Amino acid sequence: MINPLEQKRRGYLNFFKDGVADALLDGVIDDNKRSSAYYKQGYDFGITMWTQIESTEFIQDKYKILENVNGKDTQDNGKDT
């Protein structure tokens, strides 16, 4: 049987996880859970993670574009082989 303290911790953790999931998957805060400090912390953490993921993907895409441009320039330098 779960003691009351463990039950409370599970509730806090569930609010935190719900906040993270809502931020990453939906991007919309749940008004029913907005009053929970743990939900808000999870939501903020999820938004931070989403921002980092997006910036990393942007940098990777930009790098791929530069590779393609540089690759074409080095391969097609106007000389016939």
N, C-alpha and C. Protein backbone atom coordinates (compact mmCIF):
# COMPACT_ATOMS: atom_id res chain seq x y z
N MET A 1 0.84 -1.19 0.00
CA MET A 1 0.00 0.00 0.00
C MET A 1 0.88 1.24 0.00
N ILE A 2 0.45 2.24 -0.70
CA ILE A 2 1.20 3.49 -0.83
C ILE A 2 0.89 4.39 0.36
N ASN A 3 1.97 4.93 0.96
CA ASN A 3 1.74 5.84 2.08
C ASN A 3 1.26 7.20 1.57
N PRO A 4 0.65 8.01 2.41
CA PRO A 4 0.08 9.29 1.97
C PRO A 4 1.10 10.23 1.33
N LEU A 5 2.32 10.25 1.84
CA LEU A 5 3.35 11.12 1.28
C LEU A 5 3.70 10.71 -0.15
N GLU A 6 3.82 9.41 -0.36
CA GLU A 6 4.11 8.90 -1.71
C GLU A 6 2.96 9.21 -2.67
N GLN A 7 1.75 9.10 -2.18
CA GLN A 7 0.58 9.42 -3.00
C GLN A 7 0.61 10.90 -3.42
N LYS A 8 0.99 11.76 -2.49
CA LYS A 8 1.07 13.19 -2.78
C LYS A 8 2.16 13.47 -3.81
N ARG A 9 3.30 12.82 -3.64
CA ARG A 9 4.41 13.00 -4.60
C ARG A 9 4.01 12.57 -6.00
N ARG A 10 3.30 11.47 -6.09
CA ARG A 10 2.83 11.02 -7.42
C ARG A 10 1.92 12.06 -8.06
N GLY A 11 1.08 12.66 -7.24
CA GLY A 11 0.20 13.71 -7.76
C GLY A 11 0.98 14.90 -8.28
N TYR A 12 2.00 15.33 -7.52
CA TYR A 12 2.83 16.44 -7.95
C TYR A 12 3.56 16.11 -9.24
N LEU A 13 4.11 14.91 -9.29
CA LEU A 13 4.84 14.49 -10.47
C LEU A 13 3.92 14.42 -11.69
N ASN A 14 2.70 13.94 -11.49
CA ASN A 14 1.75 13.88 -12.60
C ASN A 14 1.40 15.27 -13.12
N PHE A 15 1.24 16.23 -12.22
CA PHE A 15 0.98 17.60 -12.66
C PHE A 15 2.17 18.13 -13.47
N PHE A 16 3.38 17.87 -12.99
CA PHE A 16 4.57 18.32 -13.69
C PHE A 16 4.64 17.69 -15.08
N LYS A 17 4.44 16.38 -15.16
CA LYS A 17 4.49 15.68 -16.45
C LYS A 17 3.40 16.18 -17.39
N ASP A 18 2.22 16.44 -16.88
CA ASP A 18 1.15 16.98 -17.72
C ASP A 18 1.54 18.35 -18.29
N GLY A 19 2.19 19.16 -17.46
CA GLY A 19 2.64 20.47 -17.93
C GLY A 19 3.65 20.35 -19.05
N VAL A 20 4.60 19.44 -18.88
CA VAL A 20 5.62 19.23 -19.93
C VAL A 20 4.95 18.75 -21.21
N ALA A 21 4.07 17.78 -21.09
CA ALA A 21 3.39 17.23 -22.27
C ALA A 21 2.56 18.29 -22.98
N ASP A 22 1.83 19.09 -22.22
CA ASP A 22 1.02 20.13 -22.84
C ASP A 22 1.88 21.15 -23.58
N ALA A 23 3.02 21.50 -23.01
CA ALA A 23 3.90 22.46 -23.67
C ALA A 23 4.51 21.89 -24.94
N LEU A 24 5.01 20.66 -24.86
CA LEU A 24 5.69 20.07 -26.01
C LEU A 24 4.74 19.62 -27.11
N LEU A 25 3.62 19.05 -26.72
CA LEU A 25 2.73 18.45 -27.71
C LEU A 25 1.64 19.41 -28.20
N ASP A 26 1.09 20.20 -27.28
CA ASP A 26 -0.03 21.07 -27.64
C ASP A 26 0.38 22.53 -27.76
N GLY A 27 1.27 22.96 -26.88
CA GLY A 27 1.65 24.37 -26.84
C GLY A 27 0.59 25.25 -26.20
N VAL A 28 -0.36 24.61 -25.53
CA VAL A 28 -1.47 25.35 -24.90
C VAL A 28 -1.58 24.92 -23.45
N ILE A 29 -1.67 25.89 -22.56
CA ILE A 29 -1.79 25.59 -21.13
C ILE A 29 -3.22 25.16 -20.81
N ASP A 30 -3.36 24.17 -19.95
CA ASP A 30 -4.67 23.65 -19.55
C ASP A 30 -5.22 24.53 -18.43
N ASP A 31 -6.33 25.18 -18.69
CA ASP A 31 -6.92 26.09 -17.70
C ASP A 31 -7.31 25.37 -16.42
N ASN A 32 -7.65 24.10 -16.51
CA ASN A 32 -8.05 23.35 -15.32
C ASN A 32 -6.88 23.04 -14.40
N LYS A 33 -5.68 23.05 -14.94
CA LYS A 33 -4.50 22.72 -14.14
C LYS A 33 -3.60 23.94 -13.89
N ARG A 34 -3.99 25.06 -14.42
CA ARG A 34 -3.19 26.28 -14.35
C ARG A 34 -2.85 26.69 -12.92
N SER A 35 -3.70 26.37 -11.97
CA SER A 35 -3.48 26.80 -10.59
C SER A 35 -2.39 25.99 -9.88
N SER A 36 -1.98 24.87 -10.44
CA SER A 36 -0.96 24.03 -9.81
C SER A 36 0.43 24.58 -10.11
N ALA A 37 1.21 24.82 -9.06
CA ALA A 37 2.58 25.29 -9.24
C ALA A 37 3.42 24.24 -9.97
N TYR A 38 3.16 22.97 -9.71
CA TYR A 38 3.92 21.89 -10.36
C TYR A 38 3.59 21.81 -11.84
N TYR A 39 2.34 22.03 -12.18
CA TYR A 39 1.94 22.05 -13.60
C TYR A 39 2.64 23.20 -14.31
N LYS A 40 2.65 24.37 -13.68
CA LYS A 40 3.28 25.54 -14.29
C LYS A 40 4.78 25.31 -14.48
N GLN A 41 5.44 24.70 -13.48
CA GLN A 41 6.86 24.41 -13.62
C GLN A 41 7.11 23.43 -14.77
N GLY A 42 6.26 22.43 -14.88
CA GLY A 42 6.38 21.48 -15.97
C GLY A 42 6.13 22.13 -17.32
N TYR A 43 5.14 23.01 -17.37
CA TYR A 43 4.84 23.72 -18.62
C TYR A 43 6.01 24.60 -19.03
N ASP A 44 6.56 25.34 -18.07
CA ASP A 44 7.72 26.19 -18.37
C ASP A 44 8.91 25.35 -18.85
N PHE A 45 9.13 24.22 -18.20
CA PHE A 45 10.21 23.33 -18.61
C PHE A 45 9.96 22.81 -20.02
N GLY A 46 8.73 22.43 -20.32
CA GLY A 46 8.39 21.95 -21.66
C GLY A 46 8.59 23.01 -22.73
N ILE A 47 8.22 24.24 -22.43
CA ILE A 47 8.42 25.35 -23.38
C ILE A 47 9.91 25.57 -23.62
N THR A 48 10.69 25.51 -22.55
CA THR A 48 12.14 25.66 -22.68
C THR A 48 12.71 24.55 -23.56
N MET A 49 12.27 23.33 -23.34
CA MET A 49 12.75 22.22 -24.16
C MET A 49 12.33 22.39 -25.61
N TRP A 50 11.10 22.79 -25.84
CA TRP A 50 10.61 22.99 -27.21
C TRP A 50 11.43 24.06 -27.92
N THR A 51 11.75 25.14 -27.21
CA THR A 51 12.54 26.22 -27.80
C THR A 51 13.93 25.72 -28.17
N GLN A 52 14.54 24.94 -27.30
CA GLN A 52 15.86 24.39 -27.59
C GLN A 52 15.81 23.43 -28.77
N ILE A 53 14.79 22.61 -28.82
CA ILE A 53 14.65 21.67 -29.94
C ILE A 53 14.48 22.42 -31.25
N GLU A 54 13.63 23.43 -31.24
CA GLU A 54 13.39 24.21 -32.46
C GLU A 54 14.65 24.93 -32.90
N SER A 55 15.39 25.53 -31.98
CA SER A 55 16.61 26.25 -32.37
C SER A 55 17.66 25.27 -32.88
N THR A 56 17.74 24.09 -32.29
CA THR A 56 18.69 23.08 -32.76
C THR A 56 18.32 22.62 -34.17
N GLU A 57 17.04 22.39 -34.41
CA GLU A 57 16.61 21.98 -35.75
C GLU A 57 16.85 23.09 -36.76
N PHE A 58 16.65 24.33 -36.36
CA PHE A 58 16.88 25.46 -37.25
C PHE A 58 18.36 25.53 -37.62
N ILE A 59 19.23 25.36 -36.63
CA ILE A 59 20.67 25.41 -36.88
C ILE A 59 21.08 24.25 -37.79
N GLN A 60 20.53 23.07 -37.53
CA GLN A 60 20.87 21.92 -38.37
C GLN A 60 20.40 22.14 -39.81
N ASP A 61 19.19 22.68 -39.98
CA ASP A 61 18.69 22.95 -41.33
C ASP A 61 19.55 23.99 -42.03
N LYS A 62 19.94 25.02 -41.29
CA LYS A 62 20.77 26.06 -41.87
C LYS A 62 22.13 25.48 -42.28
N TYR A 63 22.69 24.61 -41.45
CA TYR A 63 23.96 23.97 -41.76
C TYR A 63 23.84 23.10 -43.01
N LYS A 64 22.73 22.36 -43.14
CA LYS A 64 22.52 21.52 -44.31
C LYS A 64 22.42 22.36 -45.58
N ILE A 65 21.74 23.50 -45.48
CA ILE A 65 21.62 24.40 -46.63
C ILE A 65 23.00 24.90 -47.03
N LEU A 66 23.79 25.31 -46.04
CA LEU A 66 25.14 25.79 -46.33
C LEU A 66 26.00 24.69 -46.93
N GLU A 67 25.86 23.47 -46.43
CA GLU A 67 26.61 22.35 -47.00
C GLU A 67 26.23 22.14 -48.46
N ASN A 68 24.93 22.22 -48.75
CA ASN A 68 24.47 22.03 -50.13
C ASN A 68 25.00 23.13 -51.03
N VAL A 69 24.96 24.35 -50.57
CA VAL A 69 25.45 25.47 -51.37
C VAL A 69 26.96 25.33 -51.58
N ASN A 70 27.68 25.07 -50.52
CA ASN A 70 29.13 24.92 -50.63
C ASN A 70 29.50 23.68 -51.45
N GLY A 71 28.74 22.62 -51.29
CA GLY A 71 29.00 21.41 -52.06
C GLY A 71 28.83 21.63 -53.54
N LYS A 72 27.78 22.36 -53.93
CA LYS A 72 27.55 22.64 -55.34
C LYS A 72 28.63 23.55 -55.89
N ASP A 73 29.07 24.52 -55.10
CA ASP A 73 30.12 25.43 -55.55
C ASP A 73 31.43 24.69 -55.78
N THR A 74 31.76 23.76 -54.91
CA THR A 74 33.03 23.04 -55.07
C THR A 74 32.93 21.99 -56.16
N GLN A 75 31.76 21.43 -56.39
CA GLN A 75 31.61 20.41 -57.42
C GLN A 75 31.47 21.04 -58.80
N ASP A 76 30.76 22.14 -58.88
CA ASP A 76 30.50 22.77 -60.18
C ASP A 76 31.24 24.11 -60.22
N ASN A 77 32.54 24.05 -60.51
CA ASN A 77 33.32 25.28 -60.53
C ASN A 77 33.53 25.79 -61.96
N GLY A 78 32.75 25.31 -62.88
CA GLY A 78 32.80 25.80 -64.24
C GLY A 78 33.76 25.06 -65.13
N LYS A 79 34.46 24.09 -64.61
CA LYS A 79 35.43 23.34 -65.40
C LYS A 79 34.80 22.03 -65.85
N ASP A 80 35.06 21.67 -67.06
CA ASP A 80 34.62 20.37 -67.57
C ASP A 80 35.67 19.34 -67.22
N THR A 81 35.23 18.21 -66.73
CA THR A 81 36.19 17.17 -66.39
C THR A 81 36.06 16.01 -67.32
